Amino acid sequence: MIVIMSRNIKYKLPSPAEYALKKLGNDINSARRRRRITKEIMSKRTGICINTLSKIENGNPNTSMAAWVSILYVLDLLDNFKDICDLKNDEMGIILEDEDLPKRIRYKKVKYERDS
């Protein structure tokens, strides 16, 4: 379990989230190595230090989102990241929204004034 410290407040990272970050970090590491990009070159292209890159590849949750996104951009994987929370992929949200829809739609009757 990872505990995140932020301004003296402790957050416990849920194990599925911890696993997801570790997997993403490992996938980033694999993608970088498949492209034959060294840590030094990645560091120069993204503007982050090598230590931060290592933390990201290890799935450390205390690194900035901007650093993660910069790496995905350099690896040409940013399009996949943009669709993570796309509304069309939010199955639970769609189900909950559909449950709240009215069963019947009624229009208000409009009274017309007749000319006398």
PDB file of N, CA and C in Angstrom:
ATOM      1  N   MET A   1       0.851  -1.182   0.000  1.00  0.00           N
ATOM      2  CA  MET A   1       0.000   0.000   0.000  1.00  0.00           C
ATOM      3  C   MET A   1       0.889   1.235   0.000  1.00  0.00           C
ATOM      4  N   ILE A   2       0.525   2.218  -0.791  1.00  0.00           N
ATOM      5  CA  ILE A   2       1.269   3.465  -0.880  1.00  0.00           C
ATOM      6  C   ILE A   2       0.480   4.544  -0.169  1.00  0.00           C
ATOM      7  N   VAL A   3       1.164   5.307   0.660  1.00  0.00           N
ATOM      8  CA  VAL A   3       0.547   6.442   1.337  1.00  0.00           C
ATOM      9  C   VAL A   3       1.112   7.700   0.706  1.00  0.00           C
ATOM     10  N   ILE A   4       0.245   8.573   0.235  1.00  0.00           N
ATOM     11  CA  ILE A   4       0.657   9.804  -0.417  1.00  0.00           C
ATOM     12  C   ILE A   4       0.565  10.944   0.587  1.00  0.00           C
ATOM     13  N   MET A   5       1.630  11.708   0.702  1.00  0.00           N
ATOM     14  CA  MET A   5       1.644  12.866   1.596  1.00  0.00           C
ATOM     15  C   MET A   5       1.441  14.131   0.767  1.00  0.00           C
ATOM     16  N   SER A   6       0.507  14.938   1.150  1.00  0.00           N
ATOM     17  CA  SER A   6       0.261  16.206   0.486  1.00  0.00           C
ATOM     18  C   SER A   6      -0.143  17.217   1.538  1.00  0.00           C
ATOM     19  N   ARG A   7       0.728  18.170   1.804  1.00  0.00           N
ATOM     20  CA  ARG A   7       0.477  19.205   2.811  1.00  0.00           C
ATOM     21  C   ARG A   7       0.034  18.599   4.141  1.00  0.00           C
ATOM     22  N   ASN A   8       0.810  17.634   4.605  1.00  0.00           N
ATOM     23  CA  ASN A   8       0.576  16.978   5.890  1.00  0.00           C
ATOM     24  C   ASN A   8      -0.723  16.183   5.948  1.00  0.00           C
ATOM     25  N   ILE A   9      -1.324  15.878   4.808  1.00  0.00           N
ATOM     26  CA  ILE A   9      -2.522  15.057   4.756  1.00  0.00           C
ATOM     27  C   ILE A   9      -2.123  13.728   4.108  1.00  0.00           C
ATOM     28  N   LYS A  10      -2.485  12.633   4.755  1.00  0.00           N
ATOM     29  CA  LYS A  10      -2.142  11.319   4.208  1.00  0.00           C
ATOM     30  C   LYS A  10      -3.306  10.761   3.409  1.00  0.00           C
ATOM     31  N   TYR A  11      -3.013  10.296   2.214  1.00  0.00           N
ATOM     32  CA  TYR A  11      -4.001   9.642   1.366  1.00  0.00           C
ATOM     33  C   TYR A  11      -3.537   8.212   1.141  1.00  0.00           C
ATOM     34  N   LYS A  12      -4.409   7.264   1.361  1.00  0.00           N
ATOM     35  CA  LYS A  12      -4.083   5.876   1.055  1.00  0.00           C
ATOM     36  C   LYS A  12      -4.536   5.596  -0.366  1.00  0.00           C
ATOM     37  N   LEU A  13      -3.603   5.191  -1.181  1.00  0.00           N
ATOM     38  CA  LEU A  13      -3.921   4.873  -2.565  1.00  0.00           C
ATOM     39  C   LEU A  13      -4.535   3.480  -2.616  1.00  0.00           C
ATOM     40  N   PRO A  14      -5.740   3.344  -3.176  1.00  0.00           N
ATOM     41  CA  PRO A  14      -6.354   2.008  -3.275  1.00  0.00           C
ATOM     42  C   PRO A  14      -5.477   1.068  -4.102  1.00  0.00           C
ATOM     43  N   SER A  15      -5.470  -0.205  -3.727  1.00  0.00           N
ATOM     44  CA  SER A  15      -4.590  -1.148  -4.430  1.00  0.00           C
ATOM     45  C   SER A  15      -4.841  -1.237  -5.930  1.00  0.00           C
ATOM     46  N   PRO A  16      -6.099  -1.152  -6.434  1.00  0.00           N
ATOM     47  CA  PRO A  16      -6.263  -1.167  -7.893  1.00  0.00           C
ATOM     48  C   PRO A  16      -5.605   0.050  -8.557  1.00  0.00           C
ATOM     49  N   ALA A  17      -5.656   1.201  -7.887  1.00  0.00           N
ATOM     50  CA  ALA A  17      -5.020   2.405  -8.432  1.00  0.00           C
ATOM     51  C   ALA A  17      -3.505   2.260  -8.401  1.00  0.00           C
ATOM     52  N   GLU A  18      -2.998   1.685  -7.328  1.00  0.00           N
ATOM     53  CA  GLU A  18      -1.560   1.442  -7.212  1.00  0.00           C
ATOM     54  C   GLU A  18      -1.098   0.506  -8.330  1.00  0.00           C
ATOM     55  N   TYR A  19      -1.858  -0.563  -8.557  1.00  0.00           N
ATOM     56  CA  TYR A  19      -1.537  -1.509  -9.619  1.00  0.00           C
ATOM     57  C   TYR A  19      -1.573  -0.815 -10.987  1.00  0.00           C
ATOM     58  N   ALA A  20      -2.584   0.016 -11.211  1.00  0.00           N
ATOM     59  CA  ALA A  20      -2.728   0.697 -12.503  1.00  0.00           C
ATOM     60  C   ALA A  20      -1.534   1.612 -12.773  1.00  0.00           C
ATOM     61  N   LEU A  21      -1.078   2.336 -11.742  1.00  0.00           N
ATOM     62  CA  LEU A  21       0.083   3.211 -11.922  1.00  0.00           C
ATOM     63  C   LEU A  21       1.348   2.407 -12.204  1.00  0.00           C
ATOM     64  N   LYS A  22       1.512   1.304 -11.487  1.00  0.00           N
ATOM     65  CA  LYS A  22       2.690   0.454 -11.724  1.00  0.00           C
ATOM     66  C   LYS A  22       2.661  -0.124 -13.140  1.00  0.00           C
ATOM     67  N   LYS A  23       1.481  -0.553 -13.596  1.00  0.00           N
ATOM     68  CA  LYS A  23       1.356  -1.089 -14.953  1.00  0.00           C
ATOM     69  C   LYS A  23       1.636  -0.005 -15.983  1.00  0.00           C
ATOM     70  N   LEU A  24       1.075   1.192 -15.784  1.00  0.00           N
ATOM     71  CA  LEU A  24       1.305   2.293 -16.715  1.00  0.00           C
ATOM     72  C   LEU A  24       2.785   2.648 -16.753  1.00  0.00           C
ATOM     73  N   GLY A  25       3.423   2.707 -15.589  1.00  0.00           N
ATOM     74  CA  GLY A  25       4.856   2.998 -15.537  1.00  0.00           C
ATOM     75  C   GLY A  25       5.667   1.941 -16.271  1.00  0.00           C
ATOM     76  N   ASN A  26       5.313   0.688 -16.070  1.00  0.00           N
ATOM     77  CA  ASN A  26       6.004  -0.405 -16.760  1.00  0.00           C
ATOM     78  C   ASN A  26       5.775  -0.331 -18.269  1.00  0.00           C
ATOM     79  N   ASP A  27       4.555  -0.002 -18.671  1.00  0.00           N
ATOM     80  CA  ASP A  27       4.251   0.131 -20.101  1.00  0.00           C
ATOM     81  C   ASP A  27       5.038   1.288 -20.726  1.00  0.00           C
ATOM     82  N   ILE A  28       5.170   2.387 -19.985  1.00  0.00           N
ATOM     83  CA  ILE A  28       5.960   3.530 -20.466  1.00  0.00           C
ATOM     84  C   ILE A  28       7.418   3.119 -20.634  1.00  0.00           C
ATOM     85  N   ASN A  29       7.928   2.379 -19.658  1.00  0.00           N
ATOM     86  CA  ASN A  29       9.301   1.904 -19.727  1.00  0.00           C
ATOM     87  C   ASN A  29       9.495   1.020 -20.963  1.00  0.00           C
ATOM     88  N   SER A  30       8.573   0.100 -21.186  1.00  0.00           N
ATOM     89  CA  SER A  30       8.669  -0.793 -22.344  1.00  0.00           C
ATOM     90  C   SER A  30       8.583  -0.017 -23.656  1.00  0.00           C
ATOM     91  N   ALA A  31       7.660   0.938 -23.730  1.00  0.00           N
ATOM     92  CA  ALA A  31       7.493   1.735 -24.949  1.00  0.00           C
ATOM     93  C   ALA A  31       8.758   2.548 -25.232  1.00  0.00           C
ATOM     94  N   ARG A  32       9.356   3.110 -24.205  1.00  0.00           N
ATOM     95  CA  ARG A  32      10.585   3.887 -24.377  1.00  0.00           C
ATOM     96  C   ARG A  32      11.712   2.993 -24.896  1.00  0.00           C
ATOM     97  N   ARG A  33      11.858   1.809 -24.304  1.00  0.00           N
ATOM     98  CA  ARG A  33      12.928   0.910 -24.724  1.00  0.00           C
ATOM     99  C   ARG A  33      12.687   0.352 -26.126  1.00  0.00           C
ATOM    100  N   ARG A  34      11.423   0.084 -26.492  1.00  0.00           N
ATOM    101  CA  ARG A  34      11.120  -0.391 -27.852  1.00  0.00           C
ATOM    102  C   ARG A  34      11.500   0.655 -28.898  1.00  0.00           C
ATOM    103  N   ARG A  35      11.381   1.918 -28.527  1.00  0.00           N
ATOM    104  CA  ARG A  35      11.735   3.007 -29.442  1.00  0.00           C
ATOM    105  C   ARG A  35      13.230   3.340 -29.386  1.00  0.00           C
ATOM    106  N   ARG A  36      13.967   2.594 -28.567  1.00  0.00           N
ATOM    107  CA  ARG A  36      15.413   2.780 -28.400  1.00  0.00           C
ATOM    108  C   ARG A  36      15.752   4.192 -27.918  1.00  0.00           C
ATOM    109  N   ILE A  37      14.910   4.715 -26.999  1.00  0.00           N
ATOM    110  CA  ILE A  37      15.141   6.040 -26.421  1.00  0.00           C
ATOM    111  C   ILE A  37      15.768   5.839 -25.043  1.00  0.00           C
ATOM    112  N   THR A  38      16.932   6.424 -24.835  1.00  0.00           N
ATOM    113  CA  THR A  38      17.579   6.309 -23.527  1.00  0.00           C
ATOM    114  C   THR A  38      16.894   7.236 -22.530  1.00  0.00           C
ATOM    115  N   LYS A  39      17.152   7.020 -21.256  1.00  0.00           N
ATOM    116  CA  LYS A  39      16.581   7.899 -20.229  1.00  0.00           C
ATOM    117  C   LYS A  39      17.097   9.315 -20.392  1.00  0.00           C
ATOM    118  N   GLU A  40      18.357   9.463 -20.799  1.00  0.00           N
ATOM    119  CA  GLU A  40      18.940  10.797 -20.991  1.00  0.00           C
ATOM    120  C   GLU A  40      18.233  11.555 -22.104  1.00  0.00           C
ATOM    121  N   ILE A  41      17.988  10.867 -23.222  1.00  0.00           N
ATOM    122  CA  ILE A  41      17.299  11.513 -24.344  1.00  0.00           C
ATOM    123  C   ILE A  41      15.860  11.848 -23.961  1.00  0.00           C
ATOM    124  N   MET A  42      15.169  10.916 -23.293  1.00  0.00           N
ATOM    125  CA  MET A  42      13.789  11.172 -22.858  1.00  0.00           C
ATOM    126  C   MET A  42      13.754  12.370 -21.915  1.00  0.00           C
ATOM    127  N   SER A  43      14.718  12.436 -21.033  1.00  0.00           N
ATOM    128  CA  SER A  43      14.793  13.543 -20.088  1.00  0.00           C
ATOM    129  C   SER A  43      14.929  14.885 -20.813  1.00  0.00           C
ATOM    130  N   LYS A  44      15.760  14.924 -21.830  1.00  0.00           N
ATOM    131  CA  LYS A  44      15.943  16.165 -22.596  1.00  0.00           C
ATOM    132  C   LYS A  44      14.690  16.518 -23.387  1.00  0.00           C
ATOM    133  N   ARG A  45      14.048  15.518 -23.986  1.00  0.00           N
ATOM    134  CA  ARG A  45      12.857  15.781 -24.805  1.00  0.00           C
ATOM    135  C   ARG A  45      11.661  16.234 -23.968  1.00  0.00           C
ATOM    136  N   THR A  46      11.544  15.714 -22.755  1.00  0.00           N
ATOM    137  CA  THR A  46      10.387  16.044 -21.918  1.00  0.00           C
ATOM    138  C   THR A  46      10.654  17.220 -20.977  1.00  0.00           C
ATOM    139  N   GLY A  47      11.918  17.478 -20.703  1.00  0.00           N
ATOM    140  CA  GLY A  47      12.244  18.554 -19.769  1.00  0.00           C
ATOM    141  C   GLY A  47      12.145  18.128 -18.313  1.00  0.00           C
ATOM    142  N   ILE A  48      12.084  16.839 -18.059  1.00  0.00           N
ATOM    143  CA  ILE A  48      12.053  16.353 -16.673  1.00  0.00           C
ATOM    144  C   ILE A  48      13.385  15.674 -16.362  1.00  0.00           C
ATOM    145  N   CYS A  49      13.730  15.605 -15.091  1.00  0.00           N
ATOM    146  CA  CYS A  49      15.006  14.996 -14.732  1.00  0.00           C
ATOM    147  C   CYS A  49      14.912  13.470 -14.783  1.00  0.00           C
ATOM    148  N   ILE A  50      16.057  12.830 -14.853  1.00  0.00           N
ATOM    149  CA  ILE A  50      16.116  11.372 -14.981  1.00  0.00           C
ATOM    150  C   ILE A  50      15.509  10.702 -13.750  1.00  0.00           C
ATOM    151  N   ASN A  51      15.693  11.287 -12.568  1.00  0.00           N
ATOM    152  CA  ASN A  51      15.111  10.713 -11.351  1.00  0.00           C
ATOM    153  C   ASN A  51      13.590  10.674 -11.431  1.00  0.00           C
ATOM    154  N   THR A  52      12.990  11.741 -11.942  1.00  0.00           N
ATOM    155  CA  THR A  52      11.528  11.782 -12.094  1.00  0.00           C
ATOM    156  C   THR A  52      11.070  10.744 -13.113  1.00  0.00           C
ATOM    157  N   LEU A  53      11.814  10.609 -14.194  1.00  0.00           N
ATOM    158  CA  LEU A  53      11.490   9.598 -15.203  1.00  0.00           C
ATOM    159  C   LEU A  53      11.526   8.203 -14.586  1.00  0.00           C
ATOM    160  N   SER A  54      12.524   7.930 -13.767  1.00  0.00           N
ATOM    161  CA  SER A  54      12.622   6.629 -13.103  1.00  0.00           C
ATOM    162  C   SER A  54      11.444   6.402 -12.165  1.00  0.00           C
ATOM    163  N   LYS A  55      11.055   7.449 -11.434  1.00  0.00           N
ATOM    164  CA  LYS A  55       9.899   7.339 -10.528  1.00  0.00           C
ATOM    165  C   LYS A  55       8.635   7.011 -11.315  1.00  0.00           C
ATOM    166  N   ILE A  56       8.459   7.685 -12.451  1.00  0.00           N
ATOM    167  CA  ILE A  56       7.268   7.441 -13.281  1.00  0.00           C
ATOM    168  C   ILE A  56       7.275   6.010 -13.805  1.00  0.00           C
ATOM    169  N   GLU A  57       8.417   5.545 -14.276  1.00  0.00           N
ATOM    170  CA  GLU A  57       8.501   4.182 -14.803  1.00  0.00           C
ATOM    171  C   GLU A  57       8.315   3.138 -13.717  1.00  0.00           C
ATOM    172  N   ASN A  58       8.483   3.542 -12.453  1.00  0.00           N
ATOM    173  CA  ASN A  58       8.228   2.636 -11.325  1.00  0.00           C
ATOM    174  C   ASN A  58       6.811   2.791 -10.782  1.00  0.00           C
ATOM    175  N   GLY A  59       6.024   3.717 -11.370  1.00  0.00           N
ATOM    176  CA  GLY A  59       4.634   3.900 -10.965  1.00  0.00           C
ATOM    177  C   GLY A  59       4.457   4.735  -9.714  1.00  0.00           C
ATOM    178  N   ASN A  60       5.406   5.601  -9.425  1.00  0.00           N
ATOM    179  CA  ASN A  60       5.321   6.449  -8.230  1.00  0.00           C
ATOM    180  C   ASN A  60       4.193   7.469  -8.382  1.00  0.00           C
ATOM    181  N   PRO A  61       3.226   7.503  -7.454  1.00  0.00           N
ATOM    182  CA  PRO A  61       2.090   8.416  -7.573  1.00  0.00           C
ATOM    183  C   PRO A  61       2.414   9.857  -7.184  1.00  0.00           C
ATOM    184  N   ASN A  62       3.603  10.108  -6.676  1.00  0.00           N
ATOM    185  CA  ASN A  62       3.956  11.460  -6.220  1.00  0.00           C
ATOM    186  C   ASN A  62       4.591  12.305  -7.315  1.00  0.00           C
ATOM    187  N   THR A  63       4.502  11.882  -8.553  1.00  0.00           N
ATOM    188  CA  THR A  63       5.028  12.668  -9.663  1.00  0.00           C
ATOM    189  C   THR A  63       3.886  13.423 -10.321  1.00  0.00           C
ATOM    190  N   SER A  64       4.218  14.523 -10.965  1.00  0.00           N
ATOM    191  CA  SER A  64       3.160  15.370 -11.517  1.00  0.00           C
ATOM    192  C   SER A  64       2.536  14.756 -12.763  1.00  0.00           C
ATOM    193  N   MET A  65       1.278  15.070 -12.937  1.00  0.00           N
ATOM    194  CA  MET A  65       0.540  14.590 -14.104  1.00  0.00           C
ATOM    195  C   MET A  65       1.165  15.159 -15.377  1.00  0.00           C
ATOM    196  N   ALA A  66       1.678  16.383 -15.301  1.00  0.00           N
ATOM    197  CA  ALA A  66       2.301  17.008 -16.468  1.00  0.00           C
ATOM    198  C   ALA A  66       3.504  16.204 -16.944  1.00  0.00           C
ATOM    199  N   ALA A  67       4.260  15.642 -16.020  1.00  0.00           N
ATOM    200  CA  ALA A  67       5.420  14.831 -16.395  1.00  0.00           C
ATOM    201  C   ALA A  67       4.973  13.566 -17.114  1.00  0.00           C
ATOM    202  N   TRP A  68       3.928  12.919 -16.593  1.00  0.00           N
ATOM    203  CA  TRP A  68       3.388  11.707 -17.244  1.00  0.00           C
ATOM    204  C   TRP A  68       2.931  12.040 -18.664  1.00  0.00           C
ATOM    205  N   VAL A  69       2.201  13.144 -18.808  1.00  0.00           N
ATOM    206  CA  VAL A  69       1.651  13.528 -20.115  1.00  0.00           C
ATOM    207  C   VAL A  69       2.776  13.885 -21.088  1.00  0.00           C
ATOM    208  N   SER A  70       3.825  14.539 -20.593  1.00  0.00           N
ATOM    209  CA  SER A  70       4.964  14.878 -21.456  1.00  0.00           C
ATOM    210  C   SER A  70       5.614  13.620 -22.021  1.00  0.00           C
ATOM    211  N   ILE A  71       5.753  12.619 -21.186  1.00  0.00           N
ATOM    212  CA  ILE A  71       6.345  11.356 -21.630  1.00  0.00           C
ATOM    213  C   ILE A  71       5.447  10.688 -22.668  1.00  0.00           C
ATOM    214  N   LEU A  72       4.142  10.657 -22.406  1.00  0.00           N
ATOM    215  CA  LEU A  72       3.213  10.055 -23.369  1.00  0.00           C
ATOM    216  C   LEU A  72       3.255  10.794 -24.704  1.00  0.00           C
ATOM    217  N   TYR A  73       3.424  12.116 -24.655  1.00  0.00           N
ATOM    218  CA  TYR A  73       3.518  12.914 -25.884  1.00  0.00           C
ATOM    219  C   TYR A  73       4.754  12.515 -26.686  1.00  0.00           C
ATOM    220  N   VAL A  74       5.892  12.420 -26.018  1.00  0.00           N
ATOM    221  CA  VAL A  74       7.131  12.054 -26.704  1.00  0.00           C
ATOM    222  C   VAL A  74       7.029  10.652 -27.297  1.00  0.00           C
ATOM    223  N   LEU A  75       6.332   9.753 -26.598  1.00  0.00           N
ATOM    224  CA  LEU A  75       6.172   8.384 -27.085  1.00  0.00           C
ATOM    225  C   LEU A  75       5.052   8.259 -28.119  1.00  0.00           C
ATOM    226  N   ASP A  76       4.387   9.369 -28.439  1.00  0.00           N
ATOM    227  CA  ASP A  76       3.267   9.409 -29.381  1.00  0.00           C
ATOM    228  C   ASP A  76       2.110   8.523 -28.913  1.00  0.00           C
ATOM    229  N   LEU A  77       1.854   8.568 -27.599  1.00  0.00           N
ATOM    230  CA  LEU A  77       0.755   7.802 -27.004  1.00  0.00           C
ATOM    231  C   LEU A  77      -0.284   8.709 -26.345  1.00  0.00           C
ATOM    232  N   LEU A  78      -0.208   9.987 -26.618  1.00  0.00           N
ATOM    233  CA  LEU A  78      -1.102  10.940 -25.961  1.00  0.00           C
ATOM    234  C   LEU A  78      -2.560  10.759 -26.373  1.00  0.00           C
ATOM    235  N   ASP A  79      -2.815  10.315 -27.603  1.00  0.00           N
ATOM    236  CA  ASP A  79      -4.204  10.112 -28.046  1.00  0.00           C
ATOM    237  C   ASP A  79      -4.914   9.081 -27.183  1.00  0.00           C
ATOM    238  N   ASN A  80      -4.207   8.033 -26.786  1.00  0.00           N
ATOM    239  CA  ASN A  80      -4.798   7.021 -25.908  1.00  0.00           C
ATOM    240  C   ASN A  80      -5.151   7.629 -24.553  1.00  0.00           C
ATOM    241  N   PHE A  81      -4.329   8.513 -24.065  1.00  0.00           N
ATOM    242  CA  PHE A  81      -4.551   9.142 -22.760  1.00  0.00           C
ATOM    243  C   PHE A  81      -5.773  10.061 -22.782  1.00  0.00           C
ATOM    244  N   LYS A  82      -5.975  10.760 -23.896  1.00  0.00           N
ATOM    245  CA  LYS A  82      -7.088  11.705 -23.988  1.00  0.00           C
ATOM    246  C   LYS A  82      -8.440  11.029 -23.876  1.00  0.00           C
ATOM    247  N   ASP A  83      -8.520   9.756 -24.233  1.00  0.00           N
ATOM    248  CA  ASP A  83      -9.800   9.045 -24.238  1.00  0.00           C
ATOM    249  C   ASP A  83     -10.095   8.295 -22.940  1.00  0.00           C
ATOM    250  N   ILE A  84      -9.240   8.444 -21.931  1.00  0.00           N
ATOM    251  CA  ILE A  84      -9.425   7.686 -20.690  1.00  0.00           C
ATOM    252  C   ILE A  84     -10.804   7.938 -20.074  1.00  0.00           C
ATOM    253  N   CYS A  85     -11.193   9.169 -19.934  1.00  0.00           N
ATOM    254  CA  CYS A  85     -12.479   9.490 -19.293  1.00  0.00           C
ATOM    255  C   CYS A  85     -13.499  10.022 -20.291  1.00  0.00           C
ATOM    256  N   ASP A  86     -13.364   9.652 -21.534  1.00  0.00           N
ATOM    257  CA  ASP A  86     -14.322  10.072 -22.546  1.00  0.00           C
ATOM    258  C   ASP A  86     -15.715   9.594 -22.140  1.00  0.00           C
ATOM    259  N   LEU A  87     -16.692  10.444 -22.287  1.00  0.00           N
ATOM    260  CA  LEU A  87     -18.049  10.122 -21.853  1.00  0.00           C
ATOM    261  C   LEU A  87     -18.618   8.886 -22.531  1.00  0.00           C
ATOM    262  N   LYS A  88     -18.232   8.638 -23.766  1.00  0.00           N
ATOM    263  CA  LYS A  88     -18.764   7.460 -24.456  1.00  0.00           C
ATOM    264  C   LYS A  88     -18.220   6.167 -23.858  1.00  0.00           C
ATOM    265  N   ASN A  89     -17.127   6.241 -23.104  1.00  0.00           N
ATOM    266  CA  ASN A  89     -16.551   5.062 -22.455  1.00  0.00           C
ATOM    267  C   ASN A  89     -17.030   4.898 -21.015  1.00  0.00           C
ATOM    268  N   ASP A  90     -17.841   5.813 -20.540  1.00  0.00           N
ATOM    269  CA  ASP A  90     -18.310   5.800 -19.148  1.00  0.00           C
ATOM    270  C   ASP A  90     -19.594   4.973 -19.045  1.00  0.00           C
ATOM    271  N   GLU A  91     -19.445   3.653 -19.057  1.00  0.00           N
ATOM    272  CA  GLU A  91     -20.602   2.762 -19.049  1.00  0.00           C
ATOM    273  C   GLU A  91     -21.457   2.939 -17.797  1.00  0.00           C
ATOM    274  N   MET A  92     -20.820   3.051 -16.636  1.00  0.00           N
ATOM    275  CA  MET A  92     -21.571   3.215 -15.394  1.00  0.00           C
ATOM    276  C   MET A  92     -22.349   4.529 -15.398  1.00  0.00           C
ATOM    277  N   GLY A  93     -21.721   5.594 -15.875  1.00  0.00           N
ATOM    278  CA  GLY A  93     -22.408   6.887 -15.955  1.00  0.00           C
ATOM    279  C   GLY A  93     -23.606   6.840 -16.880  1.00  0.00           C
ATOM    280  N   ILE A  94     -23.467   6.140 -17.991  1.00  0.00           N
ATOM    281  CA  ILE A  94     -24.571   6.009 -18.948  1.00  0.00           C
ATOM    282  C   ILE A  94     -25.720   5.231 -18.320  1.00  0.00           C
ATOM    283  N   ILE A  95     -25.408   4.154 -17.599  1.00  0.00           N
ATOM    284  CA  ILE A  95     -26.448   3.359 -16.933  1.00  0.00           C
ATOM    285  C   ILE A  95     -27.176   4.198 -15.895  1.00  0.00           C
ATOM    286  N   LEU A  96     -26.420   4.922 -15.075  1.00  0.00           N
ATOM    287  CA  LEU A  96     -27.037   5.752 -14.030  1.00  0.00           C
ATOM    288  C   LEU A  96     -27.880   6.861 -14.638  1.00  0.00           C
ATOM    289  N   GLU A  97     -27.406   7.429 -15.728  1.00  0.00           N
ATOM    290  CA  GLU A  97     -28.167   8.489 -16.387  1.00  0.00           C
ATOM    291  C   GLU A  97     -29.469   7.933 -16.969  1.00  0.00           C
ATOM    292  N   ASP A  98     -29.413   6.753 -17.558  1.00  0.00           N
ATOM    293  CA  ASP A  98     -30.603   6.137 -18.138  1.00  0.00           C
ATOM    294  C   ASP A  98     -31.638   5.792 -17.071  1.00  0.00           C
ATOM    295  N   GLU A  99     -31.181   5.411 -15.880  1.00  0.00           N
ATOM    296  CA  GLU A  99     -32.114   5.090 -14.792  1.00  0.00           C
ATOM    297  C   GLU A  99     -32.884   6.322 -14.331  1.00  0.00           C
ATOM    298  N   ASP A 100     -32.289   7.481 -14.495  1.00  0.00           N
ATOM    299  CA  ASP A 100     -32.900   8.710 -14.006  1.00  0.00           C
ATOM    300  C   ASP A 100     -33.816   9.360 -15.039  1.00  0.00           C
ATOM    301  N   LEU A 101     -33.872   8.811 -16.243  1.00  0.00           N
ATOM    302  CA  LEU A 101     -34.715   9.398 -17.279  1.00  0.00           C
ATOM    303  C   LEU A 101     -36.188   9.196 -16.930  1.00  0.00           C
ATOM    304  N   PRO A 102     -37.025  10.169 -17.283  1.00  0.00           N
ATOM    305  CA  PRO A 102     -38.453  10.024 -16.978  1.00  0.00           C
ATOM    306  C   PRO A 102     -39.082   8.905 -17.797  1.00  0.00           C
ATOM    307  N   LYS A 103     -40.088   8.271 -17.216  1.00  0.00           N
ATOM    308  CA  LYS A 103     -40.783   7.180 -17.896  1.00  0.00           C
ATOM    309  C   LYS A 103     -41.679   7.711 -19.011  1.00  0.00           C
ATOM    310  N   ARG A 104     -42.225   8.891 -18.788  1.00  0.00           N
ATOM    311  CA  ARG A 104     -43.159   9.463 -19.741  1.00  0.00           C
ATOM    312  C   ARG A 104     -42.907  10.959 -19.822  1.00  0.00           C
ATOM    313  N   ILE A 105     -42.968  11.480 -21.010  1.00  0.00           N
ATOM    314  CA  ILE A 105     -42.774  12.907 -21.195  1.00  0.00           C
ATOM    315  C   ILE A 105     -44.121  13.528 -21.526  1.00  0.00           C
ATOM    316  N   ARG A 106     -44.487  14.524 -20.764  1.00  0.00           N
ATOM    317  CA  ARG A 106     -45.761  15.216 -20.989  1.00  0.00           C
ATOM    318  C   ARG A 106     -45.482  16.663 -21.368  1.00  0.00           C
ATOM    319  N   TYR A 107     -46.223  17.121 -22.323  1.00  0.00           N
ATOM    320  CA  TYR A 107     -46.124  18.520 -22.713  1.00  0.00           C
ATOM    321  C   TYR A 107     -47.232  19.287 -22.023  1.00  0.00           C
ATOM    322  N   LYS A 108     -46.925  20.496 -21.642  1.00  0.00           N
ATOM    323  CA  LYS A 108     -47.958  21.336 -21.031  1.00  0.00           C
ATOM    324  C   LYS A 108     -48.942  21.753 -22.108  1.00  0.00           C
ATOM    325  N   LYS A 109     -50.202  21.724 -21.736  1.00  0.00           N
ATOM    326  CA  LYS A 109     -51.228  22.151 -22.678  1.00  0.00           C
ATOM    327  C   LYS A 109     -51.210  23.662 -22.761  1.00  0.00           C
ATOM    328  N   VAL A 110     -51.258  24.138 -23.954  1.00  0.00           N
ATOM    329  CA  VAL A 110     -51.254  25.583 -24.182  1.00  0.00           C
ATOM    330  C   VAL A 110     -52.678  26.028 -24.428  1.00  0.00           C
ATOM    331  N   LYS A 111     -53.119  27.018 -23.683  1.00  0.00           N
ATOM    332  CA  LYS A 111     -54.470  27.544 -23.874  1.00  0.00           C
ATOM    333  C   LYS A 111     -54.413  28.648 -24.912  1.00  0.00           C
ATOM    334  N   TYR A 112     -55.299  28.522 -25.888  1.00  0.00           N
ATOM    335  CA  TYR A 112     -55.373  29.542 -26.927  1.00  0.00           C
ATOM    336  C   TYR A 112     -56.532  30.465 -26.618  1.00  0.00           C
ATOM    337  N   GLU A 113     -56.293  31.727 -26.817  1.00  0.00           N
ATOM    338  CA  GLU A 113     -57.376  32.700 -26.630  1.00  0.00           C
ATOM    339  C   GLU A 113     -58.067  32.864 -27.975  1.00  0.00           C
ATOM    340  N   ARG A 114     -59.408  32.780 -27.921  1.00  0.00           N
ATOM    341  CA  ARG A 114     -60.157  32.909 -29.158  1.00  0.00           C
ATOM    342  C   ARG A 114     -60.596  34.363 -29.344  1.00  0.00           C
ATOM    343  N   ASP A 115     -60.633  34.738 -30.595  1.00  0.00           N
ATOM    344  CA  ASP A 115     -61.127  36.084 -30.899  1.00  0.00           C
ATOM    345  C   ASP A 115     -62.646  36.089 -30.742  1.00  0.00           C
ATOM    346  N   SER A 116     -63.169  37.075 -30.087  1.00  0.00           N
ATOM    347  CA  SER A 116     -64.615  37.152 -29.908  1.00  0.00           C
ATOM    348  C   SER A 116     -65.243  38.069 -30.891  1.00  0.00           C
TER     349      SER A 116
END
